Amino acid sequence: MRKVLDLLPDGFTLAIVATVAFASFLPCYGEGATIFHWLTTIAIAIMFFMQGARLSREAIIAGIGHWRLHLTILASTFVLFPVLGFGFEALFPHAISHATLIGLLYICLLPSTVQSSIAFTSIAHGNVPAAICSATFSTLLGVIVTPIMASLLLRTHGGGGGLESIGSIFLELLLPFVLGQLLRPWIGGWANRNKHILKFTDRGSIILVVYTAFSGAVIDGLWHKLPLSGFAEIIVANAVLLAVVLVITTFGSRLLGFGKAEEIAIVFCGSKKSAATGVPMANVLFGASTVGLIVLPLIIFHQMQLMVCAVLAKRYARQHEAALAAHGAPAPAE
């Protein structure tokens, strides 16, 4: 029963699915679409401003000594994933549709998650300080690297907007993020004390982006362009991508001589992609008529990685407890 519960979607994913369904039946258009566009732009800027305010410099300093581990995780996030994505396109150019390919390549360019990577590393008894540091580095680099890579590389596939998109990213994402960091000495404490409130504002921003994006996509004929076979195509492509990365990060970390705690951090930080960063960025990078199709693979990948990593984290935890029992040590309390 516990394994079954691990595979159930979380509340946030259910909210995203409900938003997609709502946008399918009641999309915003006309003046409403314009209003939602500006609301979305403001919400995204506030979200990245608060991310900058909450980014802990202490966490960076605490884990900075594990430089080999950090380089390995960053290489998985920003080198391995793109190589696999573009390699898949080169090896199987006609295996998936153009829209699914753009969505898949976009996933490969995103930074790692923060909260879930750290949470799974903690559950699995991995190196939590190093995971915090690596996930933080990944998020920080992602704000700068992902838009540039997406604009330059996806432009050749008809998905990115070039220098104009980079300018929009700077104004709507990077500038608020930097301002949040600069104001952290004054508002960082308040932001950390109110994480439970800001979590809802962050997720509310993403819900708003999803509704606006899918409204435009539905009006443009999303569900006529994407048949049921298209969903199966996205699921299979995501499953293959996630499985390959998990295998490479697991056995690659062992070949590089990392201990079990570091392996856990590499597996969970190096295989995750951030929907919290990716959905707002897509809203800035891509046109209203295409953004819905592009973020759909990311939404599916987001839930898939949570389900698979939840099972892996519990498996690592059982191995840890078994190792303690074999050495006569008591198992840690849950």
Protein backbone atom coordinates (compact mmCIF):
# COMPACT_ATOMS: atom_id res chain seq x y z
CA MET A 1 0.00 0.00 0.00
CA ARG A 2 2.84 2.43 0.82
CA LYS A 3 4.38 1.81 -2.61
CA VAL A 4 1.04 2.57 -4.23
CA LEU A 5 0.71 5.81 -2.23
CA ASP A 6 4.19 6.84 -3.35
CA LEU A 7 3.01 6.68 -6.96
CA LEU A 8 -0.06 8.88 -6.44
CA PRO A 9 0.17 12.46 -7.80
CA ASP A 10 0.80 15.17 -5.22
CA GLY A 11 -1.68 17.99 -4.60
CA PHE A 12 0.24 20.47 -6.71
CA THR A 13 0.24 18.16 -9.71
CA LEU A 14 -3.48 17.56 -9.29
CA ALA A 15 -3.99 21.34 -9.22
CA ILE A 16 -2.05 21.69 -12.49
CA VAL A 17 -4.11 18.93 -14.10
CA ALA A 18 -7.32 20.62 -12.91
CA THR A 19 -6.09 23.94 -14.34
CA VAL A 20 -5.39 22.34 -17.72
CA ALA A 21 -8.90 20.84 -17.70
CA PHE A 22 -10.45 24.20 -16.73
CA ALA A 23 -8.53 26.01 -19.48
CA SER A 24 -9.71 23.39 -21.97
CA PHE A 25 -13.37 24.21 -21.28
CA LEU A 26 -13.16 27.88 -20.24
CA PRO A 27 -10.06 29.46 -21.81
CA CYS A 28 -9.40 33.17 -21.45
CA TYR A 29 -9.43 35.22 -24.66
CA GLY A 30 -9.69 38.79 -25.89
CA GLU A 31 -9.44 41.38 -23.11
CA GLY A 32 -9.38 38.58 -20.56
CA ALA A 33 -6.28 37.10 -22.17
CA THR A 34 -4.56 40.50 -22.06
CA ILE A 35 -5.39 40.91 -18.36
CA PHE A 36 -4.15 37.41 -17.56
CA HIS A 37 -0.97 38.06 -19.56
CA TRP A 38 -0.09 41.06 -17.39
CA LEU A 39 -1.09 39.27 -14.20
CA THR A 40 1.15 36.37 -15.21
CA THR A 41 4.08 38.69 -15.96
CA ILE A 42 3.74 40.38 -12.55
CA ALA A 43 3.33 37.06 -10.72
CA ILE A 44 6.44 35.60 -12.39
CA ALA A 45 8.52 38.67 -11.49
CA ILE A 46 7.37 38.46 -7.84
CA MET A 47 8.13 34.74 -7.72
CA PHE A 48 11.70 35.19 -8.97
CA PHE A 49 12.20 38.20 -6.71
CA MET A 50 11.27 36.07 -3.68
CA GLN A 51 13.48 33.21 -4.91
CA GLY A 52 16.39 35.63 -4.92
CA ALA A 53 15.48 36.85 -1.44
CA ARG A 54 15.33 33.28 -0.08
CA LEU A 55 18.52 31.99 -1.71
CA SER A 56 20.78 31.14 1.21
CA ARG A 57 24.39 32.19 0.84
CA GLU A 58 25.17 30.17 3.96
CA ALA A 59 24.01 27.01 2.20
CA ILE A 60 26.39 27.74 -0.66
CA ILE A 61 29.32 28.21 1.73
CA ALA A 62 28.41 25.09 3.76
CA GLY A 63 28.62 22.75 0.81
CA ILE A 64 31.15 24.44 -1.41
CA GLY A 65 33.94 22.07 -0.40
CA HIS A 66 32.42 19.14 -2.34
CA TRP A 67 33.52 20.59 -5.66
CA ARG A 68 33.79 17.22 -7.48
CA LEU A 69 30.23 16.37 -6.49
CA HIS A 70 28.93 19.79 -7.56
CA LEU A 71 30.66 19.59 -10.93
CA THR A 72 29.24 16.11 -11.47
CA ILE A 73 25.68 17.26 -10.72
CA LEU A 74 26.01 20.39 -12.85
CA ALA A 75 27.47 18.29 -15.68
CA SER A 76 24.45 15.98 -15.49
CA THR A 77 22.01 18.91 -15.48
CA PHE A 78 23.54 21.15 -18.14
CA VAL A 79 25.66 18.73 -20.23
CA LEU A 80 24.31 15.18 -20.00
CA PHE A 81 20.64 16.13 -20.41
CA PRO A 82 21.20 18.37 -23.49
CA VAL A 83 23.51 15.76 -25.07
CA LEU A 84 20.83 13.10 -24.60
CA GLY A 85 18.09 15.38 -25.93
CA PHE A 86 19.91 16.44 -29.07
CA GLY A 87 21.41 12.98 -29.45
CA PHE A 88 17.92 11.49 -29.41
CA GLU A 89 16.92 13.89 -32.16
CA ALA A 90 19.97 12.95 -34.25
CA LEU A 91 19.49 9.18 -33.83
CA PHE A 92 15.71 9.11 -34.19
CA PRO A 93 14.77 12.19 -36.24
CA HIS A 94 11.31 10.90 -37.12
CA ALA A 95 10.46 9.00 -33.91
CA ILE A 96 8.51 11.84 -32.29
CA SER A 97 6.62 14.89 -33.52
CA HIS A 98 8.21 18.33 -33.81
CA ALA A 99 6.20 19.80 -30.91
CA THR A 100 7.11 16.91 -28.59
CA LEU A 101 10.76 17.25 -29.62
CA ILE A 102 10.82 20.96 -28.72
CA GLY A 103 9.23 20.16 -25.33
CA LEU A 104 11.77 17.39 -24.72
CA LEU A 105 14.72 19.59 -25.65
CA TYR A 106 13.39 22.35 -23.41
CA ILE A 107 13.25 19.93 -20.45
CA CYS A 108 16.90 19.06 -21.08
CA LEU A 109 17.96 22.72 -20.77
CA LEU A 110 16.31 23.41 -17.41
CA PRO A 111 18.03 23.58 -13.99
CA SER A 112 17.48 21.05 -11.24
CA THR A 113 14.81 21.39 -8.58
CA VAL A 114 15.64 22.61 -5.09
CA GLN A 115 12.99 21.49 -2.60
CA SER A 116 12.27 18.01 -3.93
CA SER A 117 15.94 17.21 -4.65
CA ILE A 118 16.86 18.06 -1.07
CA ALA A 119 13.81 16.28 0.34
CA PHE A 120 14.53 13.04 -1.50
CA THR A 121 18.23 13.22 -0.58
CA SER A 122 17.22 13.60 3.07
CA ILE A 123 14.75 10.69 2.95
CA ALA A 124 17.40 8.48 1.34
CA HIS A 125 20.04 9.49 3.98
CA GLY A 126 22.28 11.16 1.43
CA ASN A 127 24.61 14.16 1.71
CA VAL A 128 22.04 16.88 2.42
CA PRO A 129 24.40 19.91 2.76
CA ALA A 130 26.00 19.07 -0.58
CA ALA A 131 22.55 18.61 -2.14
CA ILE A 132 21.48 22.02 -0.86
CA CYS A 133 24.57 23.63 -2.32
CA SER A 134 24.31 21.86 -5.70
CA ALA A 135 20.60 22.52 -6.08
CA THR A 136 21.20 26.18 -5.22
CA PHE A 137 24.02 26.45 -7.76
CA SER A 138 21.83 24.79 -10.38
CA THR A 139 18.96 27.21 -9.79
CA LEU A 140 21.27 30.22 -9.88
CA LEU A 141 22.96 29.09 -13.09
CA GLY A 142 19.63 28.11 -14.61
CA VAL A 143 18.28 31.66 -14.39
CA ILE A 144 21.17 32.74 -16.63
CA VAL A 145 22.18 29.66 -18.64
CA THR A 146 18.79 28.13 -19.51
CA PRO A 147 17.30 31.16 -21.33
CA ILE A 148 20.49 31.66 -23.34
CA MET A 149 20.74 27.98 -24.29
CA ALA A 150 17.04 27.81 -25.09
CA SER A 151 17.13 30.94 -27.24
CA LEU A 152 20.25 29.94 -29.17
CA LEU A 153 19.66 26.22 -29.58
CA LEU A 154 15.88 26.01 -29.91
CA ARG A 155 15.82 28.93 -32.34
CA THR A 156 17.12 26.55 -35.01
CA HIS A 157 14.04 24.35 -34.35
CA GLY A 158 11.53 27.18 -34.60
CA GLY A 159 10.95 27.32 -30.86
CA GLY A 160 13.05 30.14 -29.42
CA GLY A 161 12.96 33.87 -29.93
CA GLY A 162 16.64 34.81 -30.02
CA LEU A 163 17.93 38.07 -28.53
CA GLU A 164 14.43 39.41 -27.91
CA SER A 165 13.67 36.45 -25.64
CA ILE A 166 16.96 36.94 -23.78
CA GLY A 167 16.02 40.57 -23.15
CA SER A 168 12.59 39.54 -21.86
CA ILE A 169 14.18 36.96 -19.57
CA PHE A 170 16.53 39.61 -18.18
CA LEU A 171 13.70 42.05 -17.42
CA GLU A 172 11.10 39.57 -16.16
CA LEU A 173 13.23 36.92 -14.43
CA LEU A 174 16.89 37.78 -13.90
CA LEU A 175 16.43 41.40 -12.80
CA PRO A 176 13.82 40.53 -10.10
CA PHE A 177 16.03 37.63 -8.99
CA VAL A 178 19.09 39.90 -8.60
CA LEU A 179 17.04 42.55 -6.78
CA GLY A 180 15.80 39.89 -4.37
CA GLN A 181 19.38 38.85 -3.66
CA LEU A 182 20.46 42.45 -3.09
CA LEU A 183 17.57 43.04 -0.68
CA ARG A 184 18.03 39.72 1.12
CA PRO A 185 19.71 41.34 4.20
CA TRP A 186 16.47 43.25 4.84
CA ILE A 187 13.74 40.86 3.66
CA GLY A 188 15.46 37.45 3.73
CA GLY A 189 14.47 36.76 7.33
CA TRP A 190 10.83 37.59 6.66
CA ALA A 191 10.83 35.41 3.53
CA ASN A 192 12.30 32.44 5.41
CA ARG A 193 9.83 32.82 8.28
CA ASN A 194 6.91 32.84 5.86
CA LYS A 195 7.88 29.96 3.59
CA HIS A 196 4.50 28.30 4.16
CA ILE A 197 2.75 31.40 2.79
CA LEU A 198 5.18 32.03 -0.04
CA LYS A 199 4.86 28.40 -1.14
CA PHE A 200 1.26 29.08 -2.06
CA THR A 201 2.15 32.30 -3.88
CA ASP A 202 4.87 30.48 -5.84
CA ARG A 203 2.53 27.67 -6.79
CA GLY A 204 -0.24 30.13 -7.50
CA SER A 205 2.06 31.88 -9.98
CA ILE A 206 2.70 28.60 -11.78
CA ILE A 207 -1.02 27.78 -11.85
CA LEU A 208 -1.66 31.20 -13.38
CA VAL A 209 1.01 30.61 -16.01
CA VAL A 210 -0.40 27.17 -16.84
CA TYR A 211 -3.93 28.55 -17.22
CA THR A 212 -2.80 31.41 -19.45
CA ALA A 213 -0.54 29.17 -21.55
CA PHE A 214 -3.11 26.45 -22.06
CA SER A 215 -5.87 28.95 -22.77
CA GLY A 216 -3.87 30.26 -25.71
CA ALA A 217 -3.02 26.73 -26.81
CA VAL A 218 -6.65 25.56 -26.62
CA ILE A 219 -7.87 28.54 -28.65
CA ASP A 220 -5.14 27.70 -31.18
CA GLY A 221 -6.46 24.12 -31.42
CA LEU A 222 -4.22 22.23 -28.98
CA TRP A 223 -6.47 19.19 -28.56
CA HIS A 224 -6.93 18.90 -32.33
CA LYS A 225 -3.18 19.00 -32.87
CA LEU A 226 -2.38 16.52 -30.09
CA PRO A 227 -4.24 13.19 -30.34
CA LEU A 228 -4.09 10.43 -27.71
CA SER A 229 -1.11 8.97 -29.52
CA GLY A 230 0.66 12.26 -28.84
CA PHE A 231 0.25 11.76 -25.08
CA ALA A 232 1.68 8.26 -25.35
CA GLU A 233 4.58 9.68 -27.36
CA ILE A 234 5.35 12.25 -24.66
CA ILE A 235 5.14 9.69 -21.84
CA VAL A 236 7.45 7.22 -23.59
CA ALA A 237 9.99 9.93 -24.52
CA ASN A 238 10.04 11.26 -20.94
CA ALA A 239 10.33 7.76 -19.47
CA VAL A 240 13.30 6.90 -21.69
CA LEU A 241 15.04 10.20 -20.88
CA LEU A 242 14.55 9.83 -17.11
CA ALA A 243 15.57 6.15 -17.08
CA VAL A 244 18.80 6.80 -19.00
CA VAL A 245 19.79 9.71 -16.73
CA LEU A 246 19.07 7.72 -13.56
CA VAL A 247 21.19 4.81 -14.79
CA ILE A 248 24.09 7.08 -15.81
CA THR A 249 24.06 9.12 -12.58
CA THR A 250 23.87 5.99 -10.41
CA PHE A 251 26.63 3.96 -12.01
CA GLY A 252 28.63 7.00 -13.07
CA SER A 253 28.89 8.23 -9.48
CA ARG A 254 30.17 4.81 -8.43
CA LEU A 255 32.74 4.73 -11.22
CA LEU A 256 33.94 8.16 -10.11
CA GLY A 257 34.54 6.80 -6.60
CA PHE A 258 31.82 8.65 -4.68
CA GLY A 259 30.44 7.19 -1.45
CA LYS A 260 26.82 6.16 -0.99
CA ALA A 261 25.75 9.51 0.53
CA GLU A 262 27.27 11.42 -2.37
CA GLU A 263 25.79 8.98 -4.90
CA ILE A 264 22.34 9.70 -3.49
CA ALA A 265 22.83 13.46 -3.86
CA ILE A 266 24.05 13.03 -7.44
CA VAL A 267 21.13 10.78 -8.40
CA PHE A 268 18.42 13.05 -6.99
CA CYS A 269 19.93 16.44 -7.87
CA GLY A 270 21.33 15.38 -11.22
CA SER A 271 18.18 13.73 -12.58
CA LYS A 272 15.58 16.37 -11.66
CA LYS A 273 14.25 19.24 -13.75
CA SER A 274 12.42 22.22 -12.28
CA ALA A 275 8.83 22.88 -13.38
CA ALA A 276 8.78 25.88 -11.01
CA THR A 277 11.50 27.51 -13.12
CA GLY A 278 10.64 25.96 -16.47
CA VAL A 279 6.97 26.91 -16.77
CA PRO A 280 7.48 30.66 -16.16
CA MET A 281 10.52 30.72 -18.45
CA ALA A 282 8.57 29.01 -21.23
CA ASN A 283 5.90 31.67 -20.92
CA VAL A 284 8.56 34.30 -21.70
CA LEU A 285 10.56 32.34 -24.28
CA PHE A 286 7.81 30.95 -26.49
CA GLY A 287 4.78 32.32 -28.27
CA ALA A 288 1.28 32.03 -26.84
CA SER A 289 0.22 29.58 -29.53
CA THR A 290 3.07 27.13 -28.82
CA VAL A 291 3.85 27.43 -25.11
CA GLY A 292 1.06 25.04 -24.07
CA LEU A 293 2.40 22.22 -26.22
CA ILE A 294 5.95 22.88 -25.00
CA VAL A 295 5.20 22.86 -21.25
CA LEU A 296 2.97 19.76 -21.45
CA PRO A 297 5.99 17.38 -21.65
CA LEU A 298 7.55 19.25 -18.70
CA ILE A 299 4.40 18.84 -16.58
CA ILE A 300 4.34 15.12 -17.31
CA PHE A 301 8.08 14.79 -16.67
CA HIS A 302 7.66 16.67 -13.38
CA GLN A 303 5.16 14.14 -12.04
CA MET A 304 7.11 11.19 -13.45
CA GLN A 305 10.34 12.22 -11.71
CA LEU A 306 8.50 12.69 -8.39
CA MET A 307 6.93 9.24 -8.58
CA VAL A 308 10.12 7.43 -9.57
CA CYS A 309 12.37 9.33 -7.13
CA ALA A 310 9.95 8.71 -4.25
CA VAL A 311 10.33 4.97 -4.81
CA LEU A 312 14.12 5.26 -5.16
CA ALA A 313 14.41 7.36 -1.99
CA LYS A 314 12.52 4.75 0.05
CA ARG A 315 14.73 2.03 -1.44
CA TYR A 316 17.91 3.88 -0.48
CA ALA A 317 16.46 4.44 3.02
CA ARG A 318 15.81 0.71 3.46
CA GLN A 319 19.37 -0.05 2.33
CA HIS A 320 20.69 2.46 4.86
CA GLU A 321 18.64 0.95 7.68
CA ALA A 322 19.72 -2.55 6.68
CA ALA A 323 23.37 -1.47 6.75
CA LEU A 324 22.93 0.02 10.23
CA ALA A 325 21.23 -3.14 11.46
CA ALA A 326 24.05 -5.27 10.06
CA HIS A 327 26.54 -3.25 12.10
CA GLY A 328 24.39 -3.42 15.23
CA ALA A 329 23.34 0.25 15.17
CA PRO A 330 19.70 1.24 15.81
CA ALA A 331 17.68 2.45 12.84
CA PRO A 332 17.06 6.22 12.84
CA ALA A 333 13.63 7.42 13.91
CA GLU A 334 11.27 8.51 11.14
